[in-house]
Amino acid sequence: MIDKQEKKEIVNKHQKHTTDTGSPEVQVAVYTARIKEISGHLSTNKKDFSALRGLQKLVSMRKKLLSYLNKRNSDSYKKLIQELGIRG
């Protein structure tokens, strides 16, 4: 699990204004951090199927948010995927 300080840094980096915590950009960035952490856990614990299920759910939620962001604001989408290093 990512700690509060790390999550706060991620939110501060991707927020649009000072009270923004729920924009798609912020949510995708937080999901990406959690996905990276769970992927590292699964590389050492291959039989942790509950963690695998959680990872699949996070990837699905991130995919939906990225699709929404691409439809609404493609410039922001392109900038975000490049910053986070996702989608090839």
N, C-alpha and C. Protein backbone atom coordinates (compact mmCIF):
# COMPACT_ATOMS: atom_id res chain seq x y z
N MET A 1 0.84 -1.18 0.00
CA MET A 1 0.00 0.00 0.00
C MET A 1 0.89 1.25 0.00
N ILE A 2 0.54 2.21 -0.83
CA ILE A 2 1.32 3.44 -0.83
C ILE A 2 0.95 4.25 0.41
N ASP A 3 1.95 4.88 1.00
CA ASP A 3 1.69 5.62 2.24
C ASP A 3 1.11 7.00 1.92
N LYS A 4 0.64 7.68 2.95
CA LYS A 4 -0.04 8.96 2.78
C LYS A 4 0.86 10.01 2.14
N GLN A 5 2.12 10.03 2.55
CA GLN A 5 3.05 11.04 2.03
C GLN A 5 3.27 10.85 0.52
N GLU A 6 3.47 9.61 0.11
CA GLU A 6 3.68 9.33 -1.31
C GLU A 6 2.44 9.70 -2.13
N LYS A 7 1.26 9.35 -1.61
CA LYS A 7 0.02 9.68 -2.30
C LYS A 7 -0.17 11.19 -2.40
N LYS A 8 0.18 11.89 -1.34
CA LYS A 8 0.06 13.35 -1.33
C LYS A 8 0.97 13.98 -2.38
N GLU A 9 2.18 13.44 -2.53
CA GLU A 9 3.11 13.95 -3.54
C GLU A 9 2.56 13.72 -4.95
N ILE A 10 1.99 12.54 -5.16
CA ILE A 10 1.41 12.23 -6.48
C ILE A 10 0.26 13.17 -6.78
N VAL A 11 -0.61 13.39 -5.81
CA VAL A 11 -1.76 14.29 -6.00
C VAL A 11 -1.27 15.70 -6.28
N ASN A 12 -0.30 16.18 -5.51
CA ASN A 12 0.22 17.54 -5.72
C ASN A 12 0.83 17.71 -7.10
N LYS A 13 1.46 16.68 -7.61
CA LYS A 13 2.11 16.77 -8.91
C LYS A 13 1.10 16.84 -10.06
N HIS A 14 -0.04 16.16 -9.91
CA HIS A 14 -0.97 16.04 -11.04
C HIS A 14 -2.26 16.84 -10.89
N GLN A 15 -2.44 17.55 -9.78
CA GLN A 15 -3.69 18.27 -9.58
C GLN A 15 -3.74 19.54 -10.42
N LYS A 16 -4.96 19.96 -10.76
CA LYS A 16 -5.17 21.14 -11.58
C LYS A 16 -5.19 22.42 -10.75
N HIS A 17 -5.73 22.32 -9.52
CA HIS A 17 -5.77 23.44 -8.60
C HIS A 17 -5.57 22.91 -7.19
N THR A 18 -5.52 23.77 -6.20
CA THR A 18 -5.10 23.36 -4.85
C THR A 18 -6.02 22.36 -4.17
N THR A 19 -7.30 22.35 -4.50
CA THR A 19 -8.21 21.41 -3.84
C THR A 19 -8.60 20.24 -4.73
N ASP A 20 -7.93 20.07 -5.85
CA ASP A 20 -8.26 19.01 -6.80
C ASP A 20 -7.67 17.68 -6.33
N THR A 21 -8.54 16.74 -5.98
CA THR A 21 -8.09 15.40 -5.61
C THR A 21 -8.81 14.32 -6.40
N GLY A 22 -9.79 14.69 -7.21
CA GLY A 22 -10.60 13.69 -7.87
C GLY A 22 -10.64 13.77 -9.38
N SER A 23 -9.82 14.61 -9.98
CA SER A 23 -9.82 14.69 -11.44
C SER A 23 -9.27 13.39 -12.01
N PRO A 24 -9.62 13.08 -13.24
CA PRO A 24 -9.14 11.83 -13.85
C PRO A 24 -7.61 11.72 -13.86
N GLU A 25 -6.93 12.85 -14.06
CA GLU A 25 -5.47 12.82 -14.09
C GLU A 25 -4.90 12.36 -12.76
N VAL A 26 -5.45 12.88 -11.67
CA VAL A 26 -4.98 12.51 -10.33
C VAL A 26 -5.29 11.05 -10.05
N GLN A 27 -6.51 10.63 -10.38
CA GLN A 27 -6.90 9.24 -10.12
C GLN A 27 -6.04 8.26 -10.90
N VAL A 28 -5.76 8.55 -12.16
CA VAL A 28 -4.93 7.67 -12.97
C VAL A 28 -3.52 7.59 -12.40
N ALA A 29 -2.98 8.70 -11.94
CA ALA A 29 -1.64 8.71 -11.37
C ALA A 29 -1.58 7.87 -10.09
N VAL A 30 -2.59 7.97 -9.24
CA VAL A 30 -2.62 7.18 -8.01
C VAL A 30 -2.78 5.71 -8.34
N TYR A 31 -3.68 5.39 -9.28
CA TYR A 31 -3.85 3.98 -9.68
C TYR A 31 -2.54 3.42 -10.24
N THR A 32 -1.82 4.21 -11.01
CA THR A 32 -0.57 3.75 -11.60
C THR A 32 0.46 3.42 -10.52
N ALA A 33 0.54 4.25 -9.49
CA ALA A 33 1.47 3.98 -8.39
C ALA A 33 1.09 2.68 -7.68
N ARG A 34 -0.20 2.48 -7.45
CA ARG A 34 -0.64 1.26 -6.79
C ARG A 34 -0.40 0.03 -7.67
N ILE A 35 -0.61 0.17 -8.98
CA ILE A 35 -0.38 -0.94 -9.92
C ILE A 35 1.09 -1.34 -9.91
N LYS A 36 1.99 -0.37 -9.91
CA LYS A 36 3.41 -0.67 -9.88
C LYS A 36 3.79 -1.40 -8.59
N GLU A 37 3.21 -0.97 -7.48
CA GLU A 37 3.52 -1.61 -6.21
C GLU A 37 3.01 -3.04 -6.16
N ILE A 38 1.79 -3.27 -6.60
CA ILE A 38 1.23 -4.62 -6.58
C ILE A 38 1.96 -5.52 -7.58
N SER A 39 2.38 -4.98 -8.71
CA SER A 39 3.14 -5.77 -9.68
C SER A 39 4.46 -6.25 -9.08
N GLY A 40 5.11 -5.39 -8.33
CA GLY A 40 6.34 -5.78 -7.65
C GLY A 40 6.09 -6.88 -6.63
N HIS A 41 4.99 -6.77 -5.91
CA HIS A 41 4.63 -7.79 -4.92
C HIS A 41 4.37 -9.13 -5.61
N LEU A 42 3.69 -9.09 -6.75
CA LEU A 42 3.35 -10.33 -7.45
C LEU A 42 4.55 -10.98 -8.10
N SER A 43 5.60 -10.22 -8.37
CA SER A 43 6.79 -10.83 -8.96
C SER A 43 7.49 -11.75 -7.96
N THR A 44 7.33 -11.47 -6.67
CA THR A 44 7.93 -12.34 -5.65
C THR A 44 6.94 -13.33 -5.06
N ASN A 45 5.65 -13.01 -5.12
CA ASN A 45 4.61 -13.87 -4.56
C ASN A 45 3.65 -14.29 -5.68
N LYS A 46 4.08 -15.24 -6.48
CA LYS A 46 3.36 -15.61 -7.68
C LYS A 46 1.99 -16.25 -7.41
N LYS A 47 1.79 -16.82 -6.24
CA LYS A 47 0.53 -17.51 -5.96
C LYS A 47 -0.45 -16.68 -5.13
N ASP A 48 -0.20 -15.38 -5.02
CA ASP A 48 -1.10 -14.50 -4.29
C ASP A 48 -2.23 -14.08 -5.24
N PHE A 49 -3.24 -14.92 -5.32
CA PHE A 49 -4.29 -14.71 -6.31
C PHE A 49 -5.23 -13.57 -5.93
N SER A 50 -5.37 -13.28 -4.65
CA SER A 50 -6.21 -12.14 -4.26
C SER A 50 -5.55 -10.83 -4.67
N ALA A 51 -4.24 -10.76 -4.58
CA ALA A 51 -3.53 -9.56 -5.04
C ALA A 51 -3.62 -9.45 -6.56
N LEU A 52 -3.60 -10.58 -7.24
CA LEU A 52 -3.73 -10.59 -8.70
C LEU A 52 -5.10 -10.05 -9.10
N ARG A 53 -6.13 -10.45 -8.38
CA ARG A 53 -7.48 -9.97 -8.66
C ARG A 53 -7.56 -8.45 -8.42
N GLY A 54 -6.96 -7.99 -7.34
CA GLY A 54 -6.93 -6.56 -7.06
C GLY A 54 -6.21 -5.79 -8.15
N LEU A 55 -5.11 -6.35 -8.64
CA LEU A 55 -4.36 -5.72 -9.72
C LEU A 55 -5.22 -5.61 -10.98
N GLN A 56 -5.94 -6.68 -11.30
CA GLN A 56 -6.79 -6.67 -12.48
C GLN A 56 -7.89 -5.61 -12.36
N LYS A 57 -8.45 -5.45 -11.17
CA LYS A 57 -9.48 -4.43 -10.96
C LYS A 57 -8.90 -3.03 -11.12
N LEU A 58 -7.70 -2.80 -10.57
CA LEU A 58 -7.07 -1.48 -10.70
C LEU A 58 -6.77 -1.15 -12.16
N VAL A 59 -6.26 -2.13 -12.90
CA VAL A 59 -5.94 -1.91 -14.31
C VAL A 59 -7.21 -1.57 -15.09
N SER A 60 -8.29 -2.27 -14.77
CA SER A 60 -9.57 -2.02 -15.43
C SER A 60 -10.09 -0.62 -15.13
N MET A 61 -10.03 -0.20 -13.87
CA MET A 61 -10.49 1.14 -13.51
C MET A 61 -9.64 2.22 -14.17
N ARG A 62 -8.32 1.98 -14.20
CA ARG A 62 -7.43 2.95 -14.85
C ARG A 62 -7.74 3.03 -16.34
N LYS A 63 -8.01 1.89 -16.96
CA LYS A 63 -8.32 1.87 -18.39
C LYS A 63 -9.58 2.66 -18.69
N LYS A 64 -10.60 2.52 -17.83
CA LYS A 64 -11.84 3.27 -18.02
C LYS A 64 -11.61 4.77 -17.88
N LEU A 65 -10.83 5.16 -16.88
CA LEU A 65 -10.54 6.58 -16.69
C LEU A 65 -9.73 7.16 -17.85
N LEU A 66 -8.78 6.38 -18.35
CA LEU A 66 -7.98 6.85 -19.48
C LEU A 66 -8.84 7.00 -20.73
N SER A 67 -9.77 6.08 -20.92
CA SER A 67 -10.68 6.17 -22.06
C SER A 67 -11.55 7.43 -21.95
N TYR A 68 -12.06 7.69 -20.76
CA TYR A 68 -12.86 8.90 -20.51
C TYR A 68 -12.04 10.15 -20.78
N LEU A 69 -10.81 10.17 -20.27
CA LEU A 69 -9.95 11.33 -20.44
C LEU A 69 -9.60 11.55 -21.90
N ASN A 70 -9.39 10.48 -22.64
CA ASN A 70 -9.06 10.60 -24.05
C ASN A 70 -10.23 11.19 -24.83
N LYS A 71 -11.46 10.83 -24.46
CA LYS A 71 -12.63 11.37 -25.13
C LYS A 71 -12.85 12.84 -24.79
N ARG A 72 -12.62 13.21 -23.53
CA ARG A 72 -12.89 14.58 -23.07
C ARG A 72 -11.77 15.56 -23.41
N ASN A 73 -10.52 15.13 -23.21
CA ASN A 73 -9.39 16.05 -23.38
C ASN A 73 -8.18 15.25 -23.85
N SER A 74 -8.03 15.10 -25.14
CA SER A 74 -6.98 14.24 -25.67
C SER A 74 -5.58 14.80 -25.42
N ASP A 75 -5.44 16.13 -25.33
CA ASP A 75 -4.13 16.71 -25.05
C ASP A 75 -3.66 16.33 -23.64
N SER A 76 -4.57 16.42 -22.69
CA SER A 76 -4.25 16.05 -21.32
C SER A 76 -3.95 14.54 -21.22
N TYR A 77 -4.68 13.75 -21.98
CA TYR A 77 -4.46 12.30 -22.03
C TYR A 77 -3.06 11.98 -22.52
N LYS A 78 -2.66 12.59 -23.62
CA LYS A 78 -1.34 12.33 -24.20
C LYS A 78 -0.23 12.77 -23.25
N LYS A 79 -0.41 13.91 -22.60
CA LYS A 79 0.58 14.40 -21.65
C LYS A 79 0.70 13.45 -20.45
N LEU A 80 -0.43 12.98 -19.96
CA LEU A 80 -0.44 12.12 -18.79
C LEU A 80 0.20 10.77 -19.06
N ILE A 81 -0.12 10.15 -20.20
CA ILE A 81 0.46 8.82 -20.46
C ILE A 81 1.98 8.93 -20.69
N GLN A 82 2.43 10.07 -21.22
CA GLN A 82 3.86 10.23 -21.39
C GLN A 82 4.55 10.44 -20.05
N GLU A 83 3.95 11.23 -19.16
CA GLU A 83 4.53 11.45 -17.84
C GLU A 83 4.61 10.17 -17.02
N LEU A 84 3.56 9.36 -17.11
CA LEU A 84 3.50 8.15 -16.30
C LEU A 84 4.21 6.96 -16.96
N GLY A 85 4.48 7.07 -18.24
CA GLY A 85 5.18 6.00 -18.96
C GLY A 85 4.32 4.77 -19.16
N ILE A 86 3.05 4.98 -19.50
CA ILE A 86 2.16 3.85 -19.76
C ILE A 86 1.70 3.87 -21.21
N ARG A 87 1.18 2.77 -21.65
CA ARG A 87 0.67 2.58 -23.02
C ARG A 87 1.75 2.77 -24.08
N GLY A 88 2.78 1.99 -23.95
CA GLY A 88 3.82 1.90 -24.95
C GLY A 88 4.50 3.16 -25.26
